[in-house]
Amino acid sequence: MNELRDLHDLFAASVGAAAALIGLLFVAVSVDPDKIFGSSADLKRRSDAERAFTALGNIFFVSLAALLTHEVRPTMVVIACLAIVQTLRLGRARFRLSAGWSGWQNFGLISVCIYGFELVAALGLNAGDASVERIVYIVFGLYGYALGTAWGLLGRSAGPKTTAG
């Protein structure tokens, strides 16, 4: 519990940053929603948007839970479980649409690994066997994953680029 108080400012900044990035993700998607969620949208783009949103939402709720003054450890376990369930749910839908390697890419195997580490860290924290620092490192990892995934939304084009000469 003392560790959580020591990291209060970090988690407060993390809540604000995650909220801002979720807002920017909504703006990026709403500029041209058909490219991501339309009937002819690229499955990879949709998967990237969903995984980035799930990761940023996870960061937001983990950071918010860390700011609570009462016992937060069970809350972090629940958040990690919900993130894993959400990722598996999205993955199942993606595997129905594309099998093989592209199915694994769209599934977000990295997401499941990160959320698995988060669950183990939260369970250890709940049992008194782990440090809050593990959760901090996982949050940092999720930021990197979410930003990289969201950046992919900007860099993908519908077709090959040509230059006018």
N, C-alpha and C. Protein backbone atom coordinates (compact mmCIF):
# COMPACT_ATOMS: atom_id res chain seq x y z
N MET A 1 0.82 -1.20 0.00
CA MET A 1 0.00 0.00 0.00
C MET A 1 0.86 1.26 0.00
N ASN A 2 1.96 1.24 0.77
CA ASN A 2 2.87 2.38 0.77
C ASN A 2 3.45 2.61 -0.61
N GLU A 3 3.74 1.50 -1.31
CA GLU A 3 4.29 1.63 -2.66
C GLU A 3 3.33 2.37 -3.57
N LEU A 4 2.02 2.10 -3.42
CA LEU A 4 1.04 2.79 -4.24
C LEU A 4 1.03 4.29 -3.96
N ARG A 5 1.18 4.66 -2.70
CA ARG A 5 1.22 6.09 -2.36
C ARG A 5 2.47 6.74 -2.96
N ASP A 6 3.59 6.00 -2.94
CA ASP A 6 4.83 6.54 -3.49
C ASP A 6 4.72 6.78 -5.00
N LEU A 7 3.87 6.01 -5.67
CA LEU A 7 3.73 6.12 -7.13
C LEU A 7 2.46 6.87 -7.53
N HIS A 8 1.85 7.58 -6.59
CA HIS A 8 0.60 8.28 -6.86
C HIS A 8 0.71 9.21 -8.06
N ASP A 9 1.74 10.03 -8.10
CA ASP A 9 1.88 10.99 -9.20
C ASP A 9 2.05 10.29 -10.55
N LEU A 10 2.79 9.20 -10.56
CA LEU A 10 2.96 8.44 -11.81
C LEU A 10 1.62 7.91 -12.31
N PHE A 11 0.85 7.31 -11.41
CA PHE A 11 -0.44 6.76 -11.83
C PHE A 11 -1.43 7.88 -12.19
N ALA A 12 -1.36 9.02 -11.52
CA ALA A 12 -2.23 10.15 -11.87
C ALA A 12 -1.91 10.64 -13.28
N ALA A 13 -0.64 10.75 -13.60
CA ALA A 13 -0.25 11.15 -14.96
C ALA A 13 -0.66 10.09 -15.97
N SER A 14 -0.55 8.83 -15.60
CA SER A 14 -0.91 7.74 -16.50
C SER A 14 -2.41 7.74 -16.82
N VAL A 15 -3.24 8.01 -15.82
CA VAL A 15 -4.69 8.10 -16.06
C VAL A 15 -4.97 9.19 -17.09
N GLY A 16 -4.38 10.36 -16.90
CA GLY A 16 -4.60 11.47 -17.83
C GLY A 16 -4.09 11.18 -19.23
N ALA A 17 -2.89 10.59 -19.30
CA ALA A 17 -2.33 10.27 -20.62
C ALA A 17 -3.16 9.22 -21.34
N ALA A 18 -3.58 8.19 -20.62
CA ALA A 18 -4.39 7.14 -21.25
C ALA A 18 -5.72 7.70 -21.73
N ALA A 19 -6.34 8.56 -20.91
CA ALA A 19 -7.61 9.17 -21.31
C ALA A 19 -7.43 10.02 -22.57
N ALA A 20 -6.36 10.79 -22.61
CA ALA A 20 -6.09 11.63 -23.79
C ALA A 20 -5.85 10.78 -25.03
N LEU A 21 -5.09 9.71 -24.88
CA LEU A 21 -4.80 8.84 -26.03
C LEU A 21 -6.05 8.09 -26.50
N ILE A 22 -6.92 7.70 -25.57
CA ILE A 22 -8.19 7.09 -25.97
C ILE A 22 -9.01 8.09 -26.77
N GLY A 23 -9.03 9.33 -26.32
CA GLY A 23 -9.75 10.38 -27.05
C GLY A 23 -9.19 10.58 -28.45
N LEU A 24 -7.86 10.60 -28.55
CA LEU A 24 -7.24 10.75 -29.88
C LEU A 24 -7.53 9.56 -30.78
N LEU A 25 -7.59 8.37 -30.19
CA LEU A 25 -7.92 7.18 -30.98
C LEU A 25 -9.35 7.29 -31.51
N PHE A 26 -10.26 7.79 -30.68
CA PHE A 26 -11.64 8.01 -31.14
C PHE A 26 -11.68 9.02 -32.27
N VAL A 27 -10.90 10.07 -32.15
CA VAL A 27 -10.86 11.09 -33.22
C VAL A 27 -10.31 10.48 -34.50
N ALA A 28 -9.21 9.73 -34.39
CA ALA A 28 -8.60 9.12 -35.57
C ALA A 28 -9.57 8.17 -36.26
N VAL A 29 -10.32 7.41 -35.49
CA VAL A 29 -11.28 6.48 -36.08
C VAL A 29 -12.47 7.22 -36.66
N SER A 30 -12.92 8.28 -35.98
CA SER A 30 -14.12 8.97 -36.44
C SER A 30 -13.89 9.84 -37.68
N VAL A 31 -12.63 10.15 -38.00
CA VAL A 31 -12.35 10.93 -39.20
C VAL A 31 -12.82 10.17 -40.45
N ASP A 32 -12.58 8.88 -40.48
CA ASP A 32 -13.05 8.05 -41.60
C ASP A 32 -13.38 6.65 -41.06
N PRO A 33 -14.51 6.52 -40.38
CA PRO A 33 -14.84 5.25 -39.73
C PRO A 33 -15.00 4.08 -40.70
N ASP A 34 -15.37 4.35 -41.95
CA ASP A 34 -15.54 3.26 -42.91
C ASP A 34 -14.23 2.55 -43.21
N LYS A 35 -13.09 3.26 -43.09
CA LYS A 35 -11.79 2.63 -43.33
C LYS A 35 -11.47 1.59 -42.27
N ILE A 36 -12.05 1.73 -41.08
CA ILE A 36 -11.70 0.84 -39.97
C ILE A 36 -12.85 -0.09 -39.62
N PHE A 37 -14.07 0.39 -39.64
CA PHE A 37 -15.20 -0.43 -39.22
C PHE A 37 -16.24 -0.66 -40.31
N GLY A 38 -15.99 -0.14 -41.51
CA GLY A 38 -16.94 -0.33 -42.60
C GLY A 38 -16.92 -1.75 -43.15
N SER A 39 -17.88 -2.04 -44.01
CA SER A 39 -18.00 -3.40 -44.57
C SER A 39 -16.81 -3.78 -45.45
N SER A 40 -16.15 -2.80 -46.04
CA SER A 40 -14.99 -3.11 -46.88
C SER A 40 -13.67 -2.76 -46.19
N ALA A 41 -13.72 -2.56 -44.87
CA ALA A 41 -12.52 -2.16 -44.12
C ALA A 41 -11.53 -3.32 -44.03
N ASP A 42 -10.27 -2.95 -43.96
CA ASP A 42 -9.19 -3.92 -43.79
C ASP A 42 -9.28 -4.51 -42.38
N LEU A 43 -9.29 -5.84 -42.30
CA LEU A 43 -9.39 -6.53 -41.01
C LEU A 43 -8.24 -6.17 -40.09
N LYS A 44 -7.05 -5.98 -40.63
CA LYS A 44 -5.88 -5.64 -39.82
C LYS A 44 -6.07 -4.28 -39.15
N ARG A 45 -6.62 -3.33 -39.89
CA ARG A 45 -6.85 -1.99 -39.31
C ARG A 45 -7.87 -2.06 -38.18
N ARG A 46 -8.94 -2.81 -38.41
CA ARG A 46 -9.95 -2.95 -37.36
C ARG A 46 -9.36 -3.62 -36.13
N SER A 47 -8.58 -4.67 -36.34
CA SER A 47 -7.95 -5.36 -35.22
C SER A 47 -6.99 -4.45 -34.48
N ASP A 48 -6.21 -3.66 -35.23
CA ASP A 48 -5.29 -2.71 -34.59
C ASP A 48 -6.05 -1.70 -33.73
N ALA A 49 -7.14 -1.17 -34.26
CA ALA A 49 -7.93 -0.19 -33.50
C ALA A 49 -8.50 -0.81 -32.23
N GLU A 50 -9.02 -2.02 -32.35
CA GLU A 50 -9.61 -2.68 -31.18
C GLU A 50 -8.55 -3.02 -30.14
N ARG A 51 -7.38 -3.50 -30.59
CA ARG A 51 -6.32 -3.85 -29.64
C ARG A 51 -5.75 -2.60 -28.97
N ALA A 52 -5.59 -1.52 -29.73
CA ALA A 52 -5.08 -0.28 -29.14
C ALA A 52 -6.07 0.25 -28.11
N PHE A 53 -7.35 0.21 -28.43
CA PHE A 53 -8.37 0.68 -27.49
C PHE A 53 -8.37 -0.18 -26.22
N THR A 54 -8.30 -1.50 -26.39
CA THR A 54 -8.29 -2.39 -25.22
C THR A 54 -7.07 -2.13 -24.35
N ALA A 55 -5.90 -1.96 -24.96
CA ALA A 55 -4.68 -1.70 -24.19
C ALA A 55 -4.76 -0.37 -23.46
N LEU A 56 -5.22 0.68 -24.14
CA LEU A 56 -5.33 1.99 -23.49
C LEU A 56 -6.39 1.98 -22.39
N GLY A 57 -7.49 1.28 -22.63
CA GLY A 57 -8.51 1.15 -21.60
C GLY A 57 -7.98 0.41 -20.38
N ASN A 58 -7.18 -0.61 -20.63
CA ASN A 58 -6.57 -1.37 -19.54
C ASN A 58 -5.63 -0.47 -18.73
N ILE A 59 -4.80 0.28 -19.42
CA ILE A 59 -3.89 1.22 -18.74
C ILE A 59 -4.69 2.20 -17.89
N PHE A 60 -5.74 2.74 -18.47
CA PHE A 60 -6.57 3.72 -17.76
C PHE A 60 -7.11 3.13 -16.47
N PHE A 61 -7.71 1.94 -16.54
CA PHE A 61 -8.34 1.36 -15.36
C PHE A 61 -7.33 0.85 -14.34
N VAL A 62 -6.21 0.30 -14.78
CA VAL A 62 -5.17 -0.12 -13.83
C VAL A 62 -4.62 1.10 -13.10
N SER A 63 -4.34 2.16 -13.83
CA SER A 63 -3.82 3.39 -13.22
C SER A 63 -4.84 4.02 -12.29
N LEU A 64 -6.10 4.01 -12.69
CA LEU A 64 -7.15 4.55 -11.84
C LEU A 64 -7.30 3.73 -10.56
N ALA A 65 -7.24 2.41 -10.69
CA ALA A 65 -7.34 1.54 -9.51
C ALA A 65 -6.18 1.79 -8.55
N ALA A 66 -5.00 2.06 -9.10
CA ALA A 66 -3.83 2.32 -8.26
C ALA A 66 -3.98 3.62 -7.47
N LEU A 67 -4.83 4.52 -7.93
CA LEU A 67 -5.05 5.79 -7.22
C LEU A 67 -6.04 5.67 -6.07
N LEU A 68 -6.77 4.57 -6.02
CA LEU A 68 -7.75 4.40 -4.95
C LEU A 68 -7.04 4.26 -3.61
N THR A 69 -7.66 4.74 -2.57
CA THR A 69 -7.01 4.71 -1.26
C THR A 69 -7.29 3.43 -0.49
N HIS A 70 -8.31 2.66 -0.89
CA HIS A 70 -8.57 1.40 -0.20
C HIS A 70 -7.82 0.26 -0.89
N GLU A 71 -8.04 -0.93 -0.45
CA GLU A 71 -7.34 -2.11 -1.00
C GLU A 71 -7.67 -2.26 -2.48
N VAL A 72 -6.66 -2.11 -3.35
CA VAL A 72 -6.89 -2.13 -4.79
C VAL A 72 -6.43 -3.42 -5.44
N ARG A 73 -5.74 -4.24 -4.72
CA ARG A 73 -5.16 -5.42 -5.35
C ARG A 73 -6.19 -6.34 -6.00
N PRO A 74 -7.31 -6.64 -5.35
CA PRO A 74 -8.32 -7.46 -6.05
C PRO A 74 -8.85 -6.78 -7.30
N THR A 75 -8.94 -5.46 -7.28
CA THR A 75 -9.42 -4.71 -8.44
C THR A 75 -8.49 -4.92 -9.63
N MET A 76 -7.18 -4.92 -9.39
CA MET A 76 -6.22 -5.12 -10.47
C MET A 76 -6.33 -6.53 -11.06
N VAL A 77 -6.62 -7.52 -10.23
CA VAL A 77 -6.82 -8.88 -10.73
C VAL A 77 -8.03 -8.92 -11.66
N VAL A 78 -9.11 -8.27 -11.25
CA VAL A 78 -10.32 -8.24 -12.07
C VAL A 78 -10.05 -7.53 -13.39
N ILE A 79 -9.34 -6.42 -13.36
CA ILE A 79 -9.03 -5.67 -14.58
C ILE A 79 -8.21 -6.53 -15.54
N ALA A 80 -7.20 -7.23 -15.02
CA ALA A 80 -6.37 -8.09 -15.86
C ALA A 80 -7.21 -9.21 -16.47
N CYS A 81 -8.09 -9.81 -15.70
CA CYS A 81 -8.96 -10.87 -16.22
C CYS A 81 -9.87 -10.35 -17.32
N LEU A 82 -10.45 -9.17 -17.11
CA LEU A 82 -11.33 -8.58 -18.13
C LEU A 82 -10.56 -8.29 -19.42
N ALA A 83 -9.32 -7.81 -19.30
CA ALA A 83 -8.51 -7.53 -20.49
C ALA A 83 -8.23 -8.82 -21.26
N ILE A 84 -7.92 -9.89 -20.54
CA ILE A 84 -7.66 -11.18 -21.21
C ILE A 84 -8.93 -11.67 -21.90
N VAL A 85 -10.06 -11.60 -21.21
CA VAL A 85 -11.33 -12.04 -21.80
C VAL A 85 -11.66 -11.23 -23.04
N GLN A 86 -11.49 -9.91 -22.98
CA GLN A 86 -11.77 -9.05 -24.13
C GLN A 86 -10.87 -9.40 -25.31
N THR A 87 -9.59 -9.62 -25.05
CA THR A 87 -8.66 -9.96 -26.12
C THR A 87 -9.01 -11.32 -26.73
N LEU A 88 -9.34 -12.28 -25.90
CA LEU A 88 -9.73 -13.60 -26.42
C LEU A 88 -11.02 -13.51 -27.23
N ARG A 89 -11.95 -12.69 -26.79
CA ARG A 89 -13.20 -12.51 -27.53
C ARG A 89 -12.94 -11.89 -28.90
N LEU A 90 -12.12 -10.87 -28.93
CA LEU A 90 -11.76 -10.25 -30.21
C LEU A 90 -11.01 -11.24 -31.09
N GLY A 91 -10.11 -12.00 -30.48
CA GLY A 91 -9.33 -12.97 -31.24
C GLY A 91 -10.18 -14.05 -31.86
N ARG A 92 -11.16 -14.53 -31.12
CA ARG A 92 -12.04 -15.57 -31.66
C ARG A 92 -12.77 -15.06 -32.90
N ALA A 93 -13.24 -13.82 -32.83
CA ALA A 93 -13.93 -13.23 -33.98
C ALA A 93 -12.97 -13.09 -35.17
N ARG A 94 -11.71 -12.73 -34.91
CA ARG A 94 -10.74 -12.57 -36.00
C ARG A 94 -10.37 -13.91 -36.64
N PHE A 95 -10.25 -14.96 -35.83
CA PHE A 95 -9.89 -16.26 -36.38
C PHE A 95 -11.00 -16.82 -37.27
N ARG A 96 -12.21 -16.42 -37.01
CA ARG A 96 -13.30 -16.85 -37.89
C ARG A 96 -13.17 -16.22 -39.27
N LEU A 97 -12.59 -15.03 -39.32
CA LEU A 97 -12.46 -14.31 -40.59
C LEU A 97 -11.16 -14.63 -41.33
N SER A 98 -10.10 -14.95 -40.60
CA SER A 98 -8.82 -15.26 -41.26
C SER A 98 -8.04 -16.24 -40.39
N ALA A 99 -7.62 -17.32 -41.01
CA ALA A 99 -6.87 -18.34 -40.29
C ALA A 99 -5.38 -18.20 -40.60
N GLY A 100 -4.58 -19.05 -40.01
CA GLY A 100 -3.14 -19.04 -40.29
C GLY A 100 -2.44 -17.87 -39.60
N TRP A 101 -1.31 -17.46 -40.20
CA TRP A 101 -0.50 -16.41 -39.60
C TRP A 101 -1.25 -15.09 -39.48
N SER A 102 -2.02 -14.73 -40.49
CA SER A 102 -2.75 -13.46 -40.40
C SER A 102 -3.77 -13.50 -39.27
N GLY A 103 -4.33 -14.66 -39.01
CA GLY A 103 -5.24 -14.80 -37.88
C GLY A 103 -4.53 -14.55 -36.56
N TRP A 104 -3.30 -15.06 -36.43
CA TRP A 104 -2.52 -14.83 -35.21
C TRP A 104 -2.16 -13.36 -35.07
N GLN A 105 -1.82 -12.71 -36.17
CA GLN A 105 -1.49 -11.29 -36.12
C GLN A 105 -2.71 -10.47 -35.70
N ASN A 106 -3.85 -10.77 -36.29
CA ASN A 106 -5.06 -10.03 -35.97
C ASN A 106 -5.54 -10.33 -34.56
N PHE A 107 -5.21 -11.51 -34.07
CA PHE A 107 -5.62 -11.93 -32.73
C PHE A 107 -4.94 -11.08 -31.67
N GLY A 108 -3.69 -10.77 -31.86
CA GLY A 108 -2.98 -9.99 -30.86
C GLY A 108 -2.37 -10.87 -29.79
N LEU A 109 -1.58 -11.83 -30.21
CA LEU A 109 -0.94 -12.74 -29.27
C LEU A 109 -0.11 -11.98 -28.24
N ILE A 110 0.48 -10.87 -28.68
CA ILE A 110 1.25 -10.03 -27.75
C ILE A 110 0.34 -9.51 -26.65
N SER A 111 -0.89 -9.14 -27.02
CA SER A 111 -1.85 -8.66 -26.02
C SER A 111 -2.07 -9.70 -24.94
N VAL A 112 -2.32 -10.92 -25.35
CA VAL A 112 -2.59 -11.99 -24.39
C VAL A 112 -1.39 -12.19 -23.46
N CYS A 113 -0.19 -12.15 -24.02
CA CYS A 113 1.01 -12.31 -23.19
C CYS A 113 1.13 -11.18 -22.17
N ILE A 114 0.94 -9.94 -22.61
CA ILE A 114 1.04 -8.80 -21.70
C ILE A 114 -0.01 -8.90 -20.60
N TYR A 115 -1.25 -9.21 -20.98
CA TYR A 115 -2.30 -9.30 -19.98
C TYR A 115 -2.10 -10.50 -19.05
N GLY A 116 -1.49 -11.56 -19.58
CA GLY A 116 -1.13 -12.70 -18.74
C GLY A 116 -0.11 -12.30 -17.68
N PHE A 117 0.92 -11.57 -18.10
CA PHE A 117 1.91 -11.05 -17.14
C PHE A 117 1.24 -10.13 -16.11
N GLU A 118 0.32 -9.32 -16.59
CA GLU A 118 -0.40 -8.42 -15.69
C GLU A 118 -1.20 -9.20 -14.66
N LEU A 119 -1.87 -10.26 -15.09
CA LEU A 119 -2.64 -11.09 -14.18
C LEU A 119 -1.74 -11.75 -13.14
N VAL A 120 -0.61 -12.29 -13.59
CA VAL A 120 0.33 -12.92 -12.65
C VAL A 120 0.84 -11.90 -11.64
N ALA A 121 1.19 -10.70 -12.13
CA ALA A 121 1.68 -9.65 -11.23
C ALA A 121 0.59 -9.22 -10.25
N ALA A 122 -0.64 -9.10 -10.72
CA ALA A 122 -1.75 -8.69 -9.84
C ALA A 122 -2.05 -9.76 -8.81
N LEU A 123 -2.00 -11.03 -9.23
CA LEU A 123 -2.22 -12.12 -8.27
C LEU A 123 -1.11 -12.14 -7.22
N GLY A 124 0.14 -11.92 -7.66
CA GLY A 124 1.25 -11.85 -6.72
C GLY A 124 1.11 -10.67 -5.78
N LEU A 125 0.67 -9.55 -6.32
CA LEU A 125 0.44 -8.35 -5.51
C LEU A 125 -0.66 -8.62 -4.49
N ASN A 126 -1.70 -9.31 -4.94
CA ASN A 126 -2.82 -9.65 -4.07
C ASN A 126 -2.38 -10.57 -2.93
N ALA A 127 -1.44 -11.48 -3.22
CA ALA A 127 -0.96 -12.43 -2.21
C ALA A 127 0.14 -11.82 -1.34
N GLY A 128 0.58 -10.62 -1.68
CA GLY A 128 1.64 -9.97 -0.93
C GLY A 128 3.03 -10.42 -1.34
N ASP A 129 3.13 -11.10 -2.49
CA ASP A 129 4.40 -11.64 -2.96
C ASP A 129 5.07 -10.80 -4.03
N ALA A 130 4.44 -9.75 -4.47
CA ALA A 130 4.98 -9.00 -5.59
C ALA A 130 5.02 -7.51 -5.28
N SER A 131 5.77 -6.82 -6.07
CA SER A 131 5.93 -5.38 -5.93
C SER A 131 5.02 -4.66 -6.92
N VAL A 132 4.61 -3.47 -6.55
CA VAL A 132 3.82 -2.64 -7.44
C VAL A 132 4.63 -2.28 -8.68
N GLU A 133 5.95 -2.31 -8.55
CA GLU A 133 6.81 -1.96 -9.69
C GLU A 133 6.53 -2.85 -10.89
N ARG A 134 6.17 -4.10 -10.68
CA ARG A 134 5.84 -4.99 -11.80
C ARG A 134 4.66 -4.45 -12.58
N ILE A 135 3.67 -3.95 -11.86
CA ILE A 135 2.50 -3.37 -12.52
C ILE A 135 2.93 -2.14 -13.32
N VAL A 136 3.82 -1.34 -12.76
CA VAL A 136 4.30 -0.14 -13.45
C VAL A 136 4.99 -0.54 -14.76
N TYR A 137 5.83 -1.56 -14.73
CA TYR A 137 6.52 -1.99 -15.94
C TYR A 137 5.54 -2.54 -16.97
N ILE A 138 4.53 -3.22 -16.50
CA ILE A 138 3.51 -3.72 -17.43
C ILE A 138 2.74 -2.57 -18.06
N VAL A 139 2.43 -1.55 -17.27
CA VAL A 139 1.75 -0.36 -17.81
C VAL A 139 2.64 0.30 -18.87
N PHE A 140 3.94 0.39 -18.60
CA PHE A 140 4.86 0.95 -19.60
C PHE A 140 4.85 0.09 -20.88
N GLY A 141 4.88 -1.21 -20.71
CA GLY A 141 4.83 -2.11 -21.86
C GLY A 141 3.54 -1.94 -22.64
N LEU A 142 2.43 -1.77 -21.93
CA LEU A 142 1.14 -1.56 -22.60
C LEU A 142 1.11 -0.25 -23.35
N TYR A 143 1.73 0.79 -22.79
CA TYR A 143 1.81 2.06 -23.53
C TYR A 143 2.55 1.85 -24.85
N GLY A 144 3.69 1.18 -24.78
CA GLY A 144 4.45 0.93 -26.01
C GLY A 144 3.65 0.12 -27.02
N TYR A 145 2.98 -0.90 -26.54
CA TYR A 145 2.17 -1.75 -27.42
C TYR A 145 1.01 -0.96 -28.02
N ALA A 146 0.29 -0.22 -27.18
CA ALA A 146 -0.87 0.54 -27.65
C ALA A 146 -0.47 1.62 -28.65
N LEU A 147 0.62 2.32 -28.35
CA LEU A 147 1.06 3.38 -29.26
C LEU A 147 1.55 2.81 -30.59
N GLY A 148 2.29 1.71 -30.52
CA GLY A 148 2.76 1.07 -31.75
C GLY A 148 1.60 0.55 -32.59
N THR A 149 0.61 -0.03 -31.94
CA THR A 149 -0.55 -0.55 -32.66
C THR A 149 -1.37 0.60 -33.25
N ALA A 150 -1.57 1.65 -32.48
CA ALA A 150 -2.33 2.80 -32.98
C ALA A 150 -1.58 3.49 -34.12
N TRP A 151 -0.26 3.55 -34.02
CA TRP A 151 0.53 4.17 -35.08
C TRP A 151 0.36 3.41 -36.38
N GLY A 152 0.21 2.10 -36.29
CA GLY A 152 -0.02 1.29 -37.48
C GLY A 152 -1.28 1.69 -38.22
N LEU A 153 -2.26 2.23 -37.50
CA LEU A 153 -3.48 2.70 -38.15
C LEU A 153 -3.19 3.86 -39.09
N LEU A 154 -2.24 4.68 -38.73
CA LEU A 154 -1.92 5.85 -39.55
C LEU A 154 -1.07 5.49 -40.75
N GLY A 155 -0.24 4.47 -40.61
CA GLY A 155 0.71 4.13 -41.65
C GLY A 155 0.22 3.18 -42.70
N ARG A 156 -0.92 2.57 -42.52
CA ARG A 156 -1.42 1.60 -43.49
C ARG A 156 -2.22 2.32 -44.57
N SER A 157 -1.99 1.92 -45.79
CA SER A 157 -2.76 2.50 -46.88
C SER A 157 -3.57 1.40 -47.54
N ALA A 158 -4.61 1.80 -48.24
CA ALA A 158 -5.49 0.83 -48.88
C ALA A 158 -4.83 0.17 -50.08
N GLY A 159 -3.90 0.83 -50.68
CA GLY A 159 -3.26 0.27 -51.87
C GLY A 159 -1.85 0.80 -52.00
N PRO A 160 -1.16 0.39 -53.07
CA PRO A 160 0.21 0.87 -53.24
C PRO A 160 0.24 2.36 -53.55
N LYS A 161 1.27 3.01 -53.04
CA LYS A 161 1.41 4.44 -53.30
C LYS A 161 2.18 4.63 -54.60
N THR A 162 1.74 5.60 -55.34
CA THR A 162 2.44 5.94 -56.58
C THR A 162 2.84 7.39 -56.50
N THR A 163 3.88 7.69 -57.21
CA THR A 163 4.33 9.08 -57.24
C THR A 163 4.10 9.64 -58.62
N ALA A 164 3.66 10.86 -58.64
CA ALA A 164 3.46 11.53 -59.93
C ALA A 164 4.80 12.02 -60.44
N GLY A 165 5.07 11.77 -61.65
CA GLY A 165 6.38 12.17 -62.13
C GLY A 165 6.27 12.95 -63.30
